[in-house]
């Protein structure tokens, strides 16, 4: 855990050791969502055999890849051009919407596909990912101004 840096006003803020929180959030989201996907996939295996397992795993991978790309891009852009982070997140949102739309065009009749378990897997993975992401982001303390500029 980083040590707080005192400010001229006596308020402690997070240290500048890690300038972007996105990689830490990404790792937490991937870990907990991965665990939820495995548990859901095992339930799918028990209830619907192999199609349930494969359906949950497939949709789980899609959710993790698409959601993870946003945080990865946010991390990379935050290191190089912090002022461009909002634009990068907006661009990645557009990419995700188009990507999910394209995914819906994939034929849904392979032998391993089970619509019920795709839906269950998608709901579980999205809810866990979003919950972890919101929780971790709510714990981030970021500077909103530069102390060197504020002291002028």
Protein backbone atom coordinates (compact mmCIF):
# COMPACT_ATOMS: atom_id res chain seq x y z
CA UNK A 1 0.00 0.00 0.00
CA UNK A 2 1.35 3.41 -0.92
CA UNK A 3 2.05 6.06 1.67
CA UNK A 4 -0.09 9.18 1.61
CA UNK A 5 1.58 12.35 0.43
CA UNK A 6 0.83 15.40 2.59
CA UNK A 7 -0.46 18.45 0.78
CA UNK A 8 -0.17 22.11 1.77
CA UNK A 9 -3.72 21.90 3.10
CA UNK A 10 -3.02 18.90 5.36
CA UNK A 11 -5.14 16.52 3.27
CA UNK A 12 -3.52 13.20 2.41
CA UNK A 13 -3.87 11.83 -1.11
CA UNK A 14 -2.54 8.69 -2.73
CA UNK A 15 1.07 8.67 -3.76
CA UNK A 16 1.98 9.09 -7.41
CA UNK A 17 3.74 5.70 -7.52
CA UNK A 18 1.03 4.20 -9.72
CA UNK A 19 -0.27 6.97 -11.94
CA UNK A 20 -3.11 4.91 -13.37
CA UNK A 21 -5.27 2.53 -11.35
CA UNK A 22 -6.53 0.62 -14.37
CA UNK A 23 -4.11 -2.33 -14.33
CA UNK A 24 -4.87 -3.06 -10.69
CA UNK A 25 -8.61 -2.86 -11.39
CA UNK A 26 -8.16 -5.10 -14.45
CA UNK A 27 -6.37 -7.79 -12.43
CA UNK A 28 -9.03 -7.76 -9.70
CA UNK A 29 -11.83 -7.94 -12.28
CA UNK A 30 -10.19 -10.76 -14.21
CA UNK A 31 -9.51 -12.78 -11.07
CA UNK A 32 -12.95 -12.55 -9.50
CA UNK A 33 -14.84 -12.78 -12.79
CA UNK A 34 -12.74 -15.77 -13.79
CA UNK A 35 -13.66 -17.50 -10.54
CA UNK A 36 -17.36 -16.73 -11.08
CA UNK A 37 -17.17 -18.06 -14.64
CA UNK A 38 -15.56 -21.31 -13.46
CA UNK A 39 -18.23 -21.84 -10.79
CA UNK A 40 -21.03 -21.04 -13.26
CA UNK A 41 -19.46 -23.30 -15.90
CA UNK A 42 -19.34 -26.18 -13.42
CA UNK A 43 -23.02 -25.62 -12.64
CA UNK A 44 -23.69 -25.60 -16.38
CA UNK A 45 -21.83 -28.91 -16.67
CA UNK A 46 -23.93 -30.46 -13.89
CA UNK A 47 -27.23 -29.26 -15.34
CA UNK A 48 -26.74 -29.26 -19.12
CA UNK A 49 -23.59 -31.38 -19.55
CA UNK A 50 -20.92 -30.27 -22.02
CA UNK A 51 -23.04 -27.66 -23.89
CA UNK A 52 -23.70 -25.85 -20.59
CA UNK A 53 -20.02 -25.85 -19.67
CA UNK A 54 -18.80 -24.70 -23.08
CA UNK A 55 -21.50 -22.04 -23.44
CA UNK A 56 -20.59 -20.42 -20.12
CA UNK A 57 -16.86 -20.58 -20.85
CA UNK A 58 -17.31 -19.07 -24.33
CA UNK A 59 -19.44 -16.15 -23.21
CA UNK A 60 -17.21 -15.63 -20.18
CA UNK A 61 -14.15 -15.28 -22.40
CA UNK A 62 -15.98 -12.79 -24.64
CA UNK A 63 -17.02 -10.66 -21.66
CA UNK A 64 -13.55 -10.70 -20.09
CA UNK A 65 -11.83 -9.84 -23.38
CA UNK A 66 -14.15 -6.98 -24.29
CA UNK A 67 -14.31 -5.48 -20.81
CA UNK A 68 -10.62 -6.06 -20.19
CA UNK A 69 -9.64 -4.23 -23.36
CA UNK A 70 -11.13 -1.02 -22.01
CA UNK A 71 -9.11 -1.14 -18.82
CA UNK A 72 -5.94 -2.16 -20.66
CA UNK A 73 -6.30 0.72 -23.10
CA UNK A 74 -7.05 3.07 -20.19
CA UNK A 75 -3.85 1.91 -18.49
CA UNK A 76 -1.69 2.31 -21.60
CA UNK A 77 -3.14 5.69 -22.57
CA UNK A 78 -2.98 6.89 -18.95
CA UNK A 79 0.75 6.27 -18.86
CA UNK A 80 1.46 8.06 -22.14
CA UNK A 81 -1.22 10.74 -22.41
CA UNK A 82 -3.42 11.07 -19.30
CA UNK A 83 -5.47 13.84 -20.88
CA UNK A 84 -6.60 11.42 -23.62
CA UNK A 85 -8.02 8.80 -21.25
CA UNK A 86 -11.64 9.88 -21.58
CA UNK A 87 -11.42 9.80 -25.38
CA UNK A 88 -9.79 6.35 -25.21
CA UNK A 89 -12.56 5.01 -22.97
CA UNK A 90 -15.20 6.45 -25.30
CA UNK A 91 -13.53 4.87 -28.33
CA UNK A 92 -13.31 1.52 -26.56
CA UNK A 93 -17.00 1.74 -25.67
CA UNK A 94 -17.81 2.13 -29.36
CA UNK A 95 -15.53 -0.81 -30.20
CA UNK A 96 -17.27 -2.94 -27.56
CA UNK A 97 -20.74 -2.13 -28.87
CA UNK A 98 -19.72 -2.94 -32.44
CA UNK A 99 -17.88 -6.08 -31.28
CA UNK A 100 -20.81 -7.37 -29.25
CA UNK A 101 -23.10 -6.62 -32.21
CA UNK A 102 -20.82 -8.60 -34.52
CA UNK A 103 -20.78 -11.44 -31.99
CA UNK A 104 -24.57 -11.61 -32.21
CA UNK A 105 -24.24 -12.31 -35.95
CA UNK A 106 -22.30 -15.53 -35.28
CA UNK A 107 -24.47 -18.58 -35.98
CA UNK A 108 -25.96 -19.87 -32.73
CA UNK A 109 -26.56 -23.49 -33.63
CA UNK A 110 -23.30 -25.30 -32.94
CA UNK A 111 -23.59 -28.56 -31.02
CA UNK A 112 -22.03 -27.03 -27.91
CA UNK A 113 -24.34 -23.99 -27.71
CA UNK A 114 -26.97 -23.76 -24.98
CA UNK A 115 -28.85 -20.46 -25.02
CA UNK A 116 -29.94 -20.66 -21.40
CA UNK A 117 -26.38 -21.14 -20.17
CA UNK A 118 -25.03 -18.45 -22.48
CA UNK A 119 -27.49 -16.04 -20.89
CA UNK A 120 -26.68 -17.19 -17.35
CA UNK A 121 -22.94 -16.99 -18.03
CA UNK A 122 -23.24 -13.53 -19.59
CA UNK A 123 -25.32 -12.15 -16.72
CA UNK A 124 -23.03 -13.61 -14.05
CA UNK A 125 -19.80 -12.47 -15.70
CA UNK A 126 -21.06 -8.96 -16.52
CA UNK A 127 -22.50 -8.43 -13.03
CA UNK A 128 -19.38 -9.68 -11.28
CA UNK A 129 -17.06 -7.68 -13.57
CA UNK A 130 -19.06 -4.47 -13.18
CA UNK A 131 -19.44 -4.93 -9.43
CA UNK A 132 -15.72 -5.48 -8.89
CA UNK A 133 -14.84 -2.63 -11.25
CA UNK A 134 -17.16 -0.19 -9.48
CA UNK A 135 -15.97 -1.26 -6.04
CA UNK A 136 -12.27 -1.00 -6.93
CA UNK A 137 -12.77 2.32 -8.72
CA UNK A 138 -14.65 3.72 -5.71
CA UNK A 139 -11.51 3.07 -3.65
CA UNK A 140 -9.19 4.96 -6.03
CA UNK A 141 -8.04 8.38 -4.93
CA UNK A 142 -6.77 10.41 -7.85
CA UNK A 143 -5.46 13.93 -7.90
CA UNK A 144 -7.64 16.27 -9.87
CA UNK A 145 -5.14 19.08 -10.00
CA UNK A 146 -1.40 19.46 -9.99
CA UNK A 147 0.02 20.72 -6.71
CA UNK A 148 2.72 22.63 -8.57
CA UNK A 149 0.11 24.51 -10.58
CA UNK A 150 -2.13 25.08 -7.55
CA UNK A 151 0.71 26.61 -5.54
CA UNK A 152 1.47 29.31 -8.13
